[in-house]
C-alpha atoms as a PDB file:
ATOM      1  CA  MET A   1     173.104 -55.065 -64.125  1.00  0.00           C
ATOM      2  CA  VAL A   2     175.164 -54.457 -61.153  1.00  0.00           C
ATOM      3  CA  ASN A   3     173.660 -57.167 -59.594  1.00  0.00           C
ATOM      4  CA  TRP A   4     174.258 -60.129 -61.711  1.00  0.00           C
ATOM      5  CA  ILE A   5     178.391 -58.519 -62.323  1.00  0.00           C
ATOM      6  CA  PHE A   6     177.634 -59.256 -57.953  1.00  0.00           C
ATOM      7  CA  ILE A   7     176.465 -62.639 -58.839  1.00  0.00           C
ATOM      8  CA  PHE A   8     179.107 -63.483 -61.523  1.00  0.00           C
ATOM      9  CA  ALA A   9     181.983 -62.180 -58.969  1.00  0.00           C
ATOM     10  CA  LEU A  10     181.531 -64.113 -55.986  1.00  0.00           C
ATOM     11  CA  LEU A  11     180.302 -66.878 -57.686  1.00  0.00           C
ATOM     12  CA  VAL A  12     183.930 -67.293 -59.501  1.00  0.00           C
ATOM     13  CA  VAL A  13     185.144 -66.254 -56.238  1.00  0.00           C
ATOM     14  CA  GLY A  14     183.582 -68.947 -54.493  1.00  0.00           C
ATOM     15  CA  LEU A  15     184.632 -71.082 -57.416  1.00  0.00           C
ATOM     16  CA  LEU A  16     188.309 -70.573 -57.085  1.00  0.00           C
ATOM     17  CA  LEU A  17     188.219 -71.142 -53.230  1.00  0.00           C
ATOM     18  CA  ALA A  18     186.507 -74.926 -53.998  1.00  0.00           C
ATOM     19  CA  LYS A  19     189.263 -76.058 -56.100  1.00  0.00           C
ATOM     20  CA  VAL A  20     191.685 -75.172 -52.535  1.00  0.00           C
ATOM     21  CA  LYS A  21     192.647 -78.732 -51.549  1.00  0.00           C
ATOM     22  CA  HIS A  22     191.569 -78.885 -48.204  1.00  0.00           C
ATOM     23  CA  LEU A  23     187.914 -79.882 -47.717  1.00  0.00           C
ATOM     24  CA  LYS A  24     187.811 -77.142 -44.941  1.00  0.00           C
ATOM     25  CA  HIS A  25     187.786 -74.574 -47.140  1.00  0.00           C
ATOM     26  CA  LYS A  26     185.862 -75.887 -49.885  1.00  0.00           C
ATOM     27  CA  SER A  27     182.766 -76.682 -47.850  1.00  0.00           C
ATOM     28  CA  LEU A  28     183.566 -72.845 -46.175  1.00  0.00           C
ATOM     29  CA  ALA A  29     183.395 -71.400 -49.966  1.00  0.00           C
ATOM     30  CA  VAL A  30     180.039 -73.812 -50.618  1.00  0.00           C
ATOM     31  CA  PHE A  31     178.959 -72.036 -47.197  1.00  0.00           C
ATOM     32  CA  LEU A  32     179.634 -68.765 -48.037  1.00  0.00           C
ATOM     33  CA  ALA A  33     178.145 -69.262 -51.504  1.00  0.00           C
ATOM     34  CA  LEU A  34     175.135 -70.471 -50.810  1.00  0.00           C
ATOM     35  CA  ILE A  35     174.453 -67.047 -48.310  1.00  0.00           C
ATOM     36  CA  VAL A  36     175.098 -65.098 -51.086  1.00  0.00           C
ATOM     37  CA  LEU A  37     172.496 -66.859 -53.525  1.00  0.00           C
ATOM     38  CA  PHE A  38     170.075 -67.301 -50.843  1.00  0.00           C
ATOM     39  CA  PHE A  39     170.924 -62.954 -49.988  1.00  0.00           C
ATOM     40  CA  CYS A  40     170.469 -62.337 -53.899  1.00  0.00           C
ATOM     41  CA  LEU A  41     167.337 -64.221 -54.036  1.00  0.00           C
ATOM     42  CA  THR A  42     165.236 -62.504 -51.866  1.00  0.00           C
ATOM     43  CA  VAL A  43     166.379 -59.364 -51.555  1.00  0.00           C
ATOM     44  CA  PRO A  44     164.271 -58.602 -54.135  1.00  0.00           C
ATOM     45  CA  PRO A  45     160.972 -59.604 -53.554  1.00  0.00           C
ATOM     46  CA  ALA A  46     161.735 -57.592 -50.091  1.00  0.00           C
ATOM     47  CA  VAL A  47     162.739 -54.288 -51.347  1.00  0.00           C
ATOM     48  CA  LYS A  48     160.478 -54.577 -54.444  1.00  0.00           C
ATOM     49  CA  ASN A  49     158.313 -51.820 -53.291  1.00  0.00           C
ATOM     50  CA  VAL A  50     160.115 -49.295 -51.643  1.00  0.00           C
ATOM     51  CA  ASP A  51     162.904 -47.127 -53.051  1.00  0.00           C
ATOM     52  CA  VAL A  52     165.695 -47.955 -51.948  1.00  0.00           C
ATOM     53  CA  ASN A  53     169.030 -45.920 -51.399  1.00  0.00           C
ATOM     54  CA  PHE A  54     172.328 -47.251 -51.746  1.00  0.00           C
ATOM     55  CA  LYS A  55     174.465 -44.147 -52.010  1.00  0.00           C
ATOM     56  CA  THR A  56     173.931 -43.255 -48.300  1.00  0.00           C
ATOM     57  CA  LEU A  57     175.036 -45.409 -45.192  1.00  0.00           C
ATOM     58  CA  SER A  58     171.566 -44.753 -44.159  1.00  0.00           C
ATOM     59  CA  GLY A  59     169.985 -45.594 -46.911  1.00  0.00           C
ATOM     60  CA  VAL A  60     171.946 -49.080 -46.880  1.00  0.00           C
ATOM     61  CA  VAL A  61     171.430 -49.582 -42.847  1.00  0.00           C
ATOM     62  CA  GLU A  62     167.349 -49.003 -43.840  1.00  0.00           C
ATOM     63  CA  THR A  63     167.435 -51.511 -46.629  1.00  0.00           C
ATOM     64  CA  PHE A  64     168.973 -54.088 -44.329  1.00  0.00           C
ATOM     65  CA  ASN A  65     166.449 -53.546 -41.581  1.00  0.00           C
ATOM     66  CA  LEU A  66     163.512 -53.599 -44.157  1.00  0.00           C
ATOM     67  CA  TYR A  67     165.241 -57.022 -45.086  1.00  0.00           C
ATOM     68  CA  PHE A  68     165.684 -58.960 -42.274  1.00  0.00           C
ATOM     69  CA  VAL A  69     161.995 -57.853 -41.043  1.00  0.00           C
ATOM     70  CA  TRP A  70     160.884 -59.468 -44.239  1.00  0.00           C
ATOM     71  CA  LEU A  71     162.950 -62.365 -43.468  1.00  0.00           C
ATOM     72  CA  GLY A  72     161.668 -62.536 -40.007  1.00  0.00           C
ATOM     73  CA  HIS A  73     157.806 -61.787 -41.240  1.00  0.00           C
ATOM     74  CA  SER A  74     158.777 -64.535 -43.752  1.00  0.00           C
ATOM     75  CA  PHE A  75     159.567 -67.225 -40.873  1.00  0.00           C
ATOM     76  CA  GLY A  76     156.716 -66.184 -38.806  1.00  0.00           C
ATOM     77  CA  ASN A  77     153.886 -67.272 -41.683  1.00  0.00           C
ATOM     78  CA  VAL A  78     156.064 -70.241 -41.926  1.00  0.00           C
ATOM     79  CA  LYS A  79     155.481 -70.863 -38.868  1.00  0.00           C
ATOM     80  CA  THR A  80     152.382 -70.449 -39.630  1.00  0.00           C
ATOM     81  CA  LEU A  81     151.613 -72.521 -42.383  1.00  0.00           C
ATOM     82  CA  THR A  82     153.371 -75.633 -39.963  1.00  0.00           C
ATOM     83  CA  GLY A  83     150.996 -75.148 -37.431  1.00  0.00           C
ATOM     84  CA  ASN A  84     147.899 -75.093 -39.434  1.00  0.00           C
ATOM     85  CA  ALA A  85     149.281 -77.741 -42.165  1.00  0.00           C
ATOM     86  CA  ILE A  86     150.143 -79.791 -38.402  1.00  0.00           C
ATOM     87  CA  LYS A  87     146.470 -79.316 -36.776  1.00  0.00           C
ATOM     88  CA  MET A  88     144.571 -80.203 -40.012  1.00  0.00           C
ATOM     89  CA  ASP A  89     142.911 -83.831 -40.306  1.00  0.00           C
ATOM     90  CA  TRP A  90     144.988 -85.785 -42.633  1.00  0.00           C
ATOM     91  CA  THR A  91     143.241 -89.290 -41.822  1.00  0.00           C
ATOM     92  CA  GLY A  92     142.178 -90.723 -44.561  1.00  0.00           C
ATOM     93  CA  ASN A  93     137.799 -90.772 -45.949  1.00  0.00           C
ATOM     94  CA  GLN A  94     136.047 -94.185 -45.061  1.00  0.00           C
ATOM     95  CA  SER A  95     134.932 -93.971 -49.389  1.00  0.00           C
ATOM     96  CA  GLU A  96     136.226 -96.287 -52.332  1.00  0.00           C
ATOM     97  CA  VAL A  97     138.726 -95.342 -54.409  1.00  0.00           C
ATOM     98  CA  LYS A  98     138.047 -97.791 -57.817  1.00  0.00           C
ATOM     99  CA  LEU A  99     140.546 -97.671 -60.448  1.00  0.00           C
ATOM    100  CA  ARG A 100     139.541 -98.202 -64.285  1.00  0.00           C
ATOM    101  CA  GLY A 101     141.303-101.446 -65.662  1.00  0.00           C
ATOM    102  CA  LEU A 102     141.712-103.310 -62.955  1.00  0.00           C
ATOM    103  CA  GLY A 103     137.915-104.404 -62.371  1.00  0.00           C
END
């Protein structure tokens, strides 16, 4: 419940900043809102099976360390998937495609 209140408060602050007339401030607010949204969507899966403690500084530091290790491994997995997709043979085969009703 606290996470949703925190997210809502940050979005309200972001929206208030977006009302500023200058484009520079708007883009900064949007950028910060996207970072907060990314962070809020990726932290729960990273710490799902770990007992985290946000009441102590060492618990918060340990959670952030765990999160950034998880994030690094995620980027490594994306790199591996991309590399494997590039290595695949994406050329078509020599079979004919027959469409129904267009005969």
